[in-house]
Amino acid sequence: MIRKERIGWSVAGRHYRVRSPVLALATRLVDLAGAVVFCFIRRKHVPAPRRILVIQVDHIGDTVLAAPLVKNLRACYPDSRISMLVREMSRPIAGMIEELDDVVCLNTPWLSRRESTGWLAAAAFARSHFQRYDLAFELHGDPRNIMLARLAARFCVGSGIRGMGFLLNRDVRWQRDYHTHIIGLHARMLEAAGATPPKPAPAAPAVPEDALARARDLLKERGVREGTYALLQMSAGLALKEWPMEQWLDLAARLAARMPLVTADLDREKAALLSGTASRRPVVSVRAGLREYSALVTMSASVISVDTFTVHLAAAFRIPLVALYSGVNLASEWGPFGAQAAVLQDTTCPYYPCGLKKCVYGRPSPCMQRLRADTVFAKVPQ
């Protein structure tokens, strides 16, 4: 009845991406009861939507990955008003998705990295936006997001992969399908809504001219020419995704002989350490907002980054990329999409893919330690 899967557990034939068999069993029981109570939901027909809401209250990289869905929504529903619900930190990226009419911010207490506005704010949002939208897409497969979508829209599409799928009018299954990229799953959601989406493809945010101009000024002040440098991104939202600093120093020393190196990492201590120790020429460290950072990515000759939003920006802008992945996620699902990318990932850990926020072996994560600077260097385009 209960079976361990590569990710999560199956209970009575239904796959849940949760970490414990007890939680999977409880989720299945709730879903069975909910499917009886809310059986009428599945019989509803997709409306001709005038107002569409895309719920993406995850993090910056997830917002970048949602851009292709928004682009396809605009193609399928050219006359609809499309809004995206994001965290405040993702607003600059969402604001660069040209197909959006509106960006709404809510720092939910779930999926939070210390920027929550609390449950009362989430309840106030649900009340003020009650049934405001005709169609909502919940992209994360989070039960709390699904409840929010149910309150905000008359028709909801998403994935009940972590439960509460009975609240969705169309529940897109993601069962034991470990080779479908998240962008492909989004395309399946659009298809479930009755649209005919084009083949999944990257969609780059439109970096505004003022951000491009400021990025050029930052480079010019430091004597770096556009299109000649490698951009290095060392920090990630989760510490277990970070590469050991000694490896970054080794890589910078090797690369400095080949090309200028630039970092706009928010971890100023790491940036200072990197810029002070590379041989031949220093690593140029700049401070940039998210829009200017996006401009720096577009102007780079190549990007070397850990698993964070930088990977997805580089992929969207089709910049040559070396992505350093931990064993947290499957790169086939969450890697750079449709890009000139070399993805380096050690998969020898018995817990791979672990889906954890803290490595059971401590820091630095062994899967990241096993990625060596000489291997990364060999993948950087000449």
Protein backbone atom coordinates (compact mmCIF):
# COMPACT_ATOMS: atom_id res chain seq x y z
CA MET A 1 0.00 0.00 0.00
CA ILE A 2 2.83 2.39 0.92
CA ARG A 3 5.93 2.37 -1.26
CA LYS A 4 9.12 4.45 -1.23
CA GLU A 5 9.69 6.29 -4.49
CA ARG A 6 12.78 7.98 -5.81
CA ILE A 7 11.25 11.21 -4.51
CA GLY A 8 8.58 10.86 -1.83
CA TRP A 9 6.13 8.03 -1.27
CA SER A 10 3.22 6.33 -3.04
CA VAL A 11 0.06 5.45 -1.12
CA ALA A 12 -2.57 3.32 -2.82
CA GLY A 13 -1.22 4.23 -6.24
CA ARG A 14 -0.97 7.99 -5.62
CA HIS A 15 2.49 9.53 -5.54
CA TYR A 16 3.21 12.32 -3.05
CA ARG A 17 6.42 14.31 -2.94
CA VAL A 18 6.62 14.38 0.85
CA ARG A 19 9.41 13.11 3.09
CA SER A 20 7.71 10.68 5.46
CA PRO A 21 5.41 7.69 4.87
CA VAL A 22 3.19 8.83 7.76
CA LEU A 23 2.67 12.22 6.12
CA ALA A 24 2.02 10.53 2.77
CA LEU A 25 -0.61 8.25 4.33
CA ALA A 26 -2.29 11.16 6.14
CA THR A 27 -2.28 13.21 2.93
CA ARG A 28 -3.85 10.35 1.00
CA LEU A 29 -6.63 9.95 3.57
CA VAL A 30 -7.39 13.67 3.51
CA ASP A 31 -7.40 13.63 -0.30
CA LEU A 32 -9.81 10.67 -0.43
CA ALA A 33 -12.24 12.41 1.93
CA GLY A 34 -11.85 15.72 0.11
CA ALA A 35 -12.47 14.13 -3.29
CA VAL A 36 -15.88 12.96 -2.04
CA VAL A 37 -16.86 16.32 -0.56
CA PHE A 38 -15.59 18.36 -3.50
CA CYS A 39 -16.46 15.94 -6.30
CA PHE A 40 -18.43 18.68 -8.10
CA ILE A 41 -15.23 20.69 -8.73
CA ARG A 42 -13.93 18.38 -11.47
CA ARG A 43 -17.16 18.69 -13.45
CA LYS A 44 -16.73 22.40 -14.01
CA HIS A 45 -15.78 23.61 -17.46
CA VAL A 46 -12.89 25.98 -18.04
CA PRO A 47 -14.25 29.52 -18.37
CA ALA A 48 -13.22 32.07 -20.95
CA PRO A 49 -10.99 33.93 -18.51
CA ARG A 50 -10.95 37.70 -18.32
CA ARG A 51 -8.67 37.77 -15.27
CA ILE A 52 -5.89 35.20 -14.72
CA LEU A 53 -3.71 34.78 -11.63
CA VAL A 54 -0.37 32.93 -11.60
CA ILE A 55 0.65 32.04 -8.04
CA GLN A 56 4.42 31.85 -7.61
CA VAL A 57 5.27 32.74 -4.01
CA ASP A 58 8.47 30.69 -4.06
CA HIS A 59 11.75 32.42 -4.79
CA ILE A 60 13.50 34.41 -7.50
CA GLY A 61 14.59 31.47 -9.64
CA ASP A 62 11.06 30.06 -9.62
CA THR A 63 9.77 33.39 -10.91
CA VAL A 64 12.24 33.23 -13.80
CA LEU A 65 11.04 29.69 -14.56
CA ALA A 66 7.42 30.89 -14.63
CA ALA A 67 8.11 33.36 -17.47
CA PRO A 68 7.48 30.79 -20.29
CA LEU A 69 4.06 29.98 -18.83
CA VAL A 70 3.13 33.67 -18.72
CA LYS A 71 4.32 34.11 -22.30
CA ASN A 72 2.17 31.17 -23.42
CA LEU A 73 -0.80 32.45 -21.42
CA ARG A 74 -0.61 35.73 -23.31
CA ALA A 75 -0.49 33.85 -26.61
CA CYS A 76 -3.50 31.71 -25.67
CA TYR A 77 -5.52 34.45 -23.98
CA PRO A 78 -4.49 37.71 -25.68
CA ASP A 79 -7.39 39.74 -24.25
CA SER A 80 -7.13 38.54 -20.64
CA ARG A 81 -5.60 40.51 -17.78
CA ILE A 82 -2.75 38.40 -16.38
CA SER A 83 -1.46 38.94 -12.84
CA MET A 84 1.30 37.18 -10.94
CA LEU A 85 1.44 36.76 -7.17
CA VAL A 86 5.07 36.77 -6.00
CA ARG A 87 7.19 37.51 -2.96
CA GLU A 88 8.49 41.05 -2.62
CA MET A 89 12.05 39.96 -3.41
CA SER A 90 10.88 38.58 -6.78
CA ARG A 91 9.04 41.74 -7.82
CA PRO A 92 11.92 43.11 -9.97
CA ILE A 93 12.02 39.89 -12.03
CA ALA A 94 8.24 39.67 -12.36
CA GLY A 95 8.23 43.32 -13.41
CA MET A 96 10.46 42.41 -16.36
CA ILE A 97 8.04 39.78 -17.71
CA GLU A 98 6.46 41.86 -20.45
CA GLU A 99 3.35 39.72 -20.84
CA LEU A 100 2.19 40.49 -17.29
CA ASP A 101 -0.37 43.22 -16.68
CA ASP A 102 0.00 43.26 -12.92
CA VAL A 103 2.40 42.10 -10.21
CA VAL A 104 0.91 41.45 -6.76
CA CYS A 105 3.17 40.84 -3.76
CA LEU A 106 2.52 38.68 -0.72
CA ASN A 107 5.28 37.42 1.58
CA THR A 108 3.50 34.28 2.74
CA PRO A 109 4.62 32.64 6.01
CA TRP A 110 5.11 29.40 4.09
CA LEU A 111 8.04 29.03 1.66
CA SER A 112 9.58 31.97 3.52
CA ARG A 113 13.23 32.90 3.98
CA ARG A 114 12.80 35.35 6.87
CA GLU A 115 10.63 37.82 4.95
CA SER A 116 7.15 36.67 6.00
CA THR A 117 4.39 39.20 6.68
CA GLY A 118 2.49 36.58 8.67
CA TRP A 119 -0.72 34.60 8.50
CA LEU A 120 -2.95 37.62 9.10
CA ALA A 121 -1.59 39.27 5.95
CA ALA A 122 -2.23 36.07 3.97
CA ALA A 123 -5.80 35.93 5.33
CA ALA A 124 -6.32 39.61 4.46
CA PHE A 125 -5.12 38.95 0.90
CA ALA A 126 -7.51 36.01 0.52
CA ARG A 127 -10.39 38.14 1.77
CA SER A 128 -9.61 41.16 -0.41
CA HIS A 129 -9.07 39.01 -3.53
CA PHE A 130 -11.91 36.54 -2.94
CA GLN A 131 -13.08 35.12 -6.30
CA ARG A 132 -11.52 38.09 -8.11
CA TYR A 133 -10.00 35.89 -10.84
CA ASP A 134 -11.60 33.59 -13.38
CA LEU A 135 -8.60 31.28 -13.66
CA ALA A 136 -5.63 30.61 -11.36
CA PHE A 137 -2.48 28.54 -11.84
CA GLU A 138 -0.69 27.24 -8.74
CA LEU A 139 2.83 26.32 -9.85
CA HIS A 140 4.50 24.87 -6.77
CA GLY A 141 2.19 22.04 -5.75
CA ASP A 142 1.89 23.42 -2.22
CA PRO A 143 -1.40 22.74 -0.34
CA ARG A 144 -1.44 26.25 1.16
CA ASN A 145 -1.01 27.80 -2.27
CA ILE A 146 -3.81 25.58 -3.56
CA MET A 147 -6.15 26.84 -0.84
CA LEU A 148 -5.18 30.41 -1.70
CA ALA A 149 -5.90 29.75 -5.38
CA ARG A 150 -9.28 28.20 -4.51
CA LEU A 151 -10.25 31.34 -2.61
CA ALA A 152 -8.95 33.75 -5.24
CA ALA A 153 -10.32 32.14 -8.42
CA ARG A 154 -13.36 30.36 -9.79
CA PHE A 155 -11.30 27.79 -11.69
CA CYS A 156 -7.94 26.45 -10.47
CA VAL A 157 -5.21 24.43 -12.18
CA GLY A 158 -2.15 23.01 -10.45
CA SER A 159 -0.63 19.84 -9.05
CA GLY A 160 -1.72 18.13 -5.85
CA ILE A 161 1.64 16.39 -5.58
CA ARG A 162 1.81 17.34 -1.88
CA GLY A 163 -1.91 17.04 -1.24
CA MET A 164 -5.13 19.08 -1.51
CA GLY A 165 -5.47 18.26 -5.21
CA PHE A 166 -9.21 17.81 -4.65
CA LEU A 167 -9.50 21.61 -4.46
CA LEU A 168 -8.20 21.94 -8.02
CA ASN A 169 -10.50 21.85 -11.02
CA ARG A 170 -7.64 20.30 -12.97
CA ASP A 171 -4.98 18.35 -11.05
CA VAL A 172 -1.92 17.76 -13.21
CA ARG A 173 -0.17 14.62 -12.00
CA TRP A 174 3.61 14.58 -11.60
CA GLN A 175 3.87 10.91 -10.67
CA ARG A 176 7.25 9.19 -10.98
CA ASP A 177 8.03 11.43 -13.93
CA TYR A 178 11.60 12.42 -13.22
CA HIS A 179 12.54 13.71 -16.67
CA THR A 180 9.90 16.39 -17.12
CA HIS A 181 11.35 19.82 -16.47
CA ILE A 182 9.24 22.16 -14.36
CA ILE A 183 8.69 24.32 -17.46
CA GLY A 184 7.26 21.25 -19.18
CA LEU A 185 4.96 20.68 -16.21
CA HIS A 186 3.74 24.28 -16.51
CA ALA A 187 2.93 23.61 -20.18
CA ARG A 188 0.90 20.59 -19.13
CA MET A 189 -1.03 22.79 -16.70
CA LEU A 190 -1.89 25.19 -19.49
CA GLU A 191 -3.02 22.28 -21.64
CA ALA A 192 -5.17 21.01 -18.76
CA ALA A 193 -6.87 24.40 -18.71
CA GLY A 194 -8.03 23.77 -22.27
CA ALA A 195 -5.42 25.84 -24.10
CA THR A 196 -3.05 24.58 -26.78
CA PRO A 197 0.40 25.70 -25.67
CA PRO A 198 3.38 25.74 -28.02
CA LYS A 199 6.36 23.53 -27.34
CA PRO A 200 8.03 24.55 -24.03
CA ALA A 201 10.81 27.05 -24.62
CA PRO A 202 12.80 29.52 -22.52
CA ALA A 203 11.44 33.04 -22.13
CA ALA A 204 13.81 35.78 -21.06
CA PRO A 205 12.72 38.70 -18.90
CA ALA A 206 13.04 42.04 -20.71
CA VAL A 207 15.80 43.97 -18.97
CA PRO A 208 14.92 47.70 -19.08
CA GLU A 209 17.24 50.16 -20.78
CA ASP A 210 17.98 52.08 -17.57
CA ALA A 211 19.19 48.89 -15.89
CA LEU A 212 21.37 48.06 -18.90
CA ALA A 213 22.84 51.57 -18.81
CA ARG A 214 23.65 51.34 -15.10
CA ALA A 215 25.26 47.93 -15.59
CA ARG A 216 27.41 49.32 -18.41
CA ASP A 217 28.49 52.17 -16.15
CA LEU A 218 29.45 49.72 -13.38
CA LEU A 219 31.60 47.77 -15.82
CA LYS A 220 33.11 50.87 -17.39
CA GLU A 221 34.11 52.28 -13.99
CA ARG A 222 36.09 49.10 -13.36
CA GLY A 223 37.61 48.81 -16.82
CA VAL A 224 35.66 45.73 -17.92
CA ARG A 225 34.27 45.52 -21.44
CA GLU A 226 30.83 44.13 -22.14
CA GLY A 227 30.83 40.58 -23.50
CA THR A 228 34.35 39.73 -22.30
CA TYR A 229 33.93 38.55 -18.72
CA ALA A 230 32.76 35.53 -16.75
CA LEU A 231 30.18 36.21 -14.08
CA LEU A 232 30.64 34.20 -10.87
CA GLN A 233 27.75 33.50 -8.48
CA MET A 234 28.83 31.84 -5.23
CA SER A 235 25.84 32.15 -2.90
CA ALA A 236 22.54 30.29 -2.98
CA GLY A 237 19.34 30.48 -0.99
CA LEU A 238 20.28 27.25 0.80
CA ALA A 239 23.73 26.83 2.32
CA LEU A 240 23.96 23.16 1.33
CA LYS A 241 23.89 24.24 -2.35
CA GLU A 242 27.05 26.31 -1.99
CA TRP A 243 30.45 25.28 -3.33
CA PRO A 244 33.43 25.42 -0.93
CA MET A 245 35.23 28.76 -1.01
CA GLU A 246 38.63 27.18 -1.57
CA GLN A 247 37.33 25.72 -4.83
CA TRP A 248 36.08 29.14 -5.95
CA LEU A 249 39.51 30.61 -5.21
CA ASP A 250 41.20 27.85 -7.19
CA LEU A 251 38.81 28.35 -10.12
CA ALA A 252 39.25 32.15 -10.09
CA ALA A 253 43.02 31.77 -10.17
CA ARG A 254 42.77 29.54 -13.24
CA LEU A 255 40.18 31.68 -15.05
CA ALA A 256 41.90 35.01 -14.37
CA ALA A 257 44.59 34.10 -16.88
CA ARG A 258 41.93 33.72 -19.56
CA MET A 259 39.34 36.48 -19.05
CA PRO A 260 38.08 39.20 -16.69
CA LEU A 261 36.01 37.94 -13.78
CA VAL A 262 33.04 39.75 -12.26
CA THR A 263 30.88 38.99 -9.25
CA ALA A 264 27.85 40.81 -7.87
CA ASP A 265 27.29 38.29 -5.09
CA LEU A 266 25.24 39.58 -2.17
CA ASP A 267 27.60 37.84 0.24
CA ARG A 268 30.09 40.69 0.42
CA GLU A 269 32.51 38.68 2.55
CA LYS A 270 32.80 36.03 -0.15
CA ALA A 271 33.02 38.67 -2.86
CA ALA A 272 35.81 40.49 -1.01
CA LEU A 273 37.72 37.26 -0.43
CA LEU A 274 37.44 36.31 -4.09
CA SER A 275 38.44 39.73 -5.41
CA GLY A 276 41.44 39.90 -3.09
CA THR A 277 43.10 36.59 -3.83
CA ALA A 278 42.80 35.74 -7.54
CA SER A 279 46.09 35.78 -9.38
CA ARG A 280 47.09 37.94 -12.38
CA ARG A 281 44.07 40.21 -12.24
CA PRO A 282 41.56 40.84 -9.45
CA VAL A 283 37.99 39.66 -9.59
CA VAL A 284 35.83 42.74 -10.08
CA SER A 285 33.18 42.97 -7.37
CA VAL A 286 30.16 45.22 -7.94
CA ARG A 287 26.96 45.99 -6.05
CA ALA A 288 23.87 45.65 -8.18
CA GLY A 289 20.13 45.46 -7.72
CA LEU A 290 18.23 42.59 -9.27
CA ARG A 291 17.49 44.42 -12.52
CA GLU A 292 21.13 45.54 -12.91
CA TYR A 293 22.26 42.03 -11.98
CA SER A 294 20.10 40.66 -14.79
CA ALA A 295 21.77 43.14 -17.13
CA LEU A 296 25.21 41.92 -16.02
CA VAL A 297 24.15 38.37 -16.88
CA THR A 298 23.07 39.40 -20.38
CA MET A 299 26.40 41.16 -20.98
CA SER A 300 28.64 38.32 -19.79
CA ALA A 301 30.58 35.95 -22.01
CA SER A 302 29.80 33.07 -19.65
CA VAL A 303 28.32 32.38 -16.22
CA ILE A 304 29.54 30.02 -13.51
CA SER A 305 26.96 29.61 -10.78
CA VAL A 306 25.67 27.37 -8.05
CA ASP A 307 22.02 26.30 -8.15
CA THR A 308 20.23 29.61 -7.75
CA PHE A 309 18.28 32.10 -9.87
CA THR A 310 21.43 33.07 -11.79
CA VAL A 311 21.39 29.67 -13.51
CA HIS A 312 17.87 30.25 -14.82
CA LEU A 313 18.59 33.83 -15.88
CA ALA A 314 21.64 32.71 -17.87
CA ALA A 315 19.62 29.91 -19.47
CA ALA A 316 16.78 32.29 -20.38
CA PHE A 317 19.25 34.77 -21.91
CA ARG A 318 21.10 31.90 -23.67
CA ILE A 319 24.43 32.75 -22.09
CA PRO A 320 27.01 29.92 -21.98
CA LEU A 321 26.72 28.47 -18.49
CA VAL A 322 28.42 26.12 -16.06
CA ALA A 323 25.93 25.19 -13.33
CA LEU A 324 27.11 23.57 -10.11
CA TYR A 325 24.31 21.49 -8.61
CA SER A 326 24.13 19.83 -5.22
CA GLY A 327 22.19 16.62 -4.66
CA VAL A 328 19.08 18.44 -3.39
CA ASN A 329 17.12 18.30 -6.66
CA LEU A 330 17.12 16.43 -9.94
CA ALA A 331 18.78 18.60 -12.57
CA SER A 332 16.44 17.03 -15.13
CA GLU A 333 13.56 18.77 -13.35
CA TRP A 334 15.16 21.93 -11.99
CA GLY A 335 18.24 22.48 -14.13
CA PRO A 336 18.84 25.21 -16.73
CA PHE A 337 16.25 24.82 -19.48
CA GLY A 338 17.11 24.87 -23.18
CA ALA A 339 20.51 26.47 -22.65
CA GLN A 340 24.15 26.16 -23.69
CA ALA A 341 24.80 24.68 -20.26
CA ALA A 342 27.18 22.25 -18.64
CA VAL A 343 25.54 20.94 -15.46
CA LEU A 344 27.94 19.41 -12.94
CA GLN A 345 26.27 17.36 -10.22
CA ASP A 346 27.58 14.61 -7.97
CA THR A 347 24.88 11.97 -7.60
CA THR A 348 26.77 9.41 -5.52
CA CYS A 349 25.20 10.37 -2.18
CA PRO A 350 22.84 7.64 -0.90
CA TYR A 351 20.25 10.34 -0.10
CA TYR A 352 20.23 11.79 -3.64
CA PRO A 353 17.97 13.56 -4.43
CA CYS A 354 17.59 14.51 -0.78
CA GLY A 355 15.23 17.51 -1.01
CA LEU A 356 16.68 18.73 2.29
CA LYS A 357 17.36 22.24 3.56
CA LYS A 358 20.26 21.09 5.76
CA CYS A 359 22.72 18.39 4.77
CA VAL A 360 22.80 15.39 7.11
CA TYR A 361 26.60 15.43 6.79
CA GLY A 362 26.96 19.10 7.75
CA ARG A 363 28.66 21.90 5.81
CA PRO A 364 30.06 21.98 3.24
CA SER A 365 27.90 19.34 1.61
CA PRO A 366 29.98 16.33 0.46
CA CYS A 367 28.20 16.36 -2.91
CA MET A 368 29.49 19.90 -3.48
CA GLN A 369 32.94 19.11 -2.11
CA ARG A 370 33.35 16.40 -4.73
CA LEU A 371 33.05 18.97 -7.54
CA ARG A 372 36.62 20.05 -8.28
CA ALA A 373 37.86 23.36 -9.66
CA ASP A 374 39.81 21.72 -12.49
CA THR A 375 36.65 19.94 -13.68
CA VAL A 376 34.66 23.17 -13.61
CA PHE A 377 37.45 25.06 -15.38
CA ALA A 378 37.48 22.53 -18.21
CA LYS A 379 33.78 23.20 -18.84
CA VAL A 380 34.05 26.98 -19.11
CA PRO A 381 33.90 28.02 -22.78
CA GLN A 382 37.14 29.38 -24.24
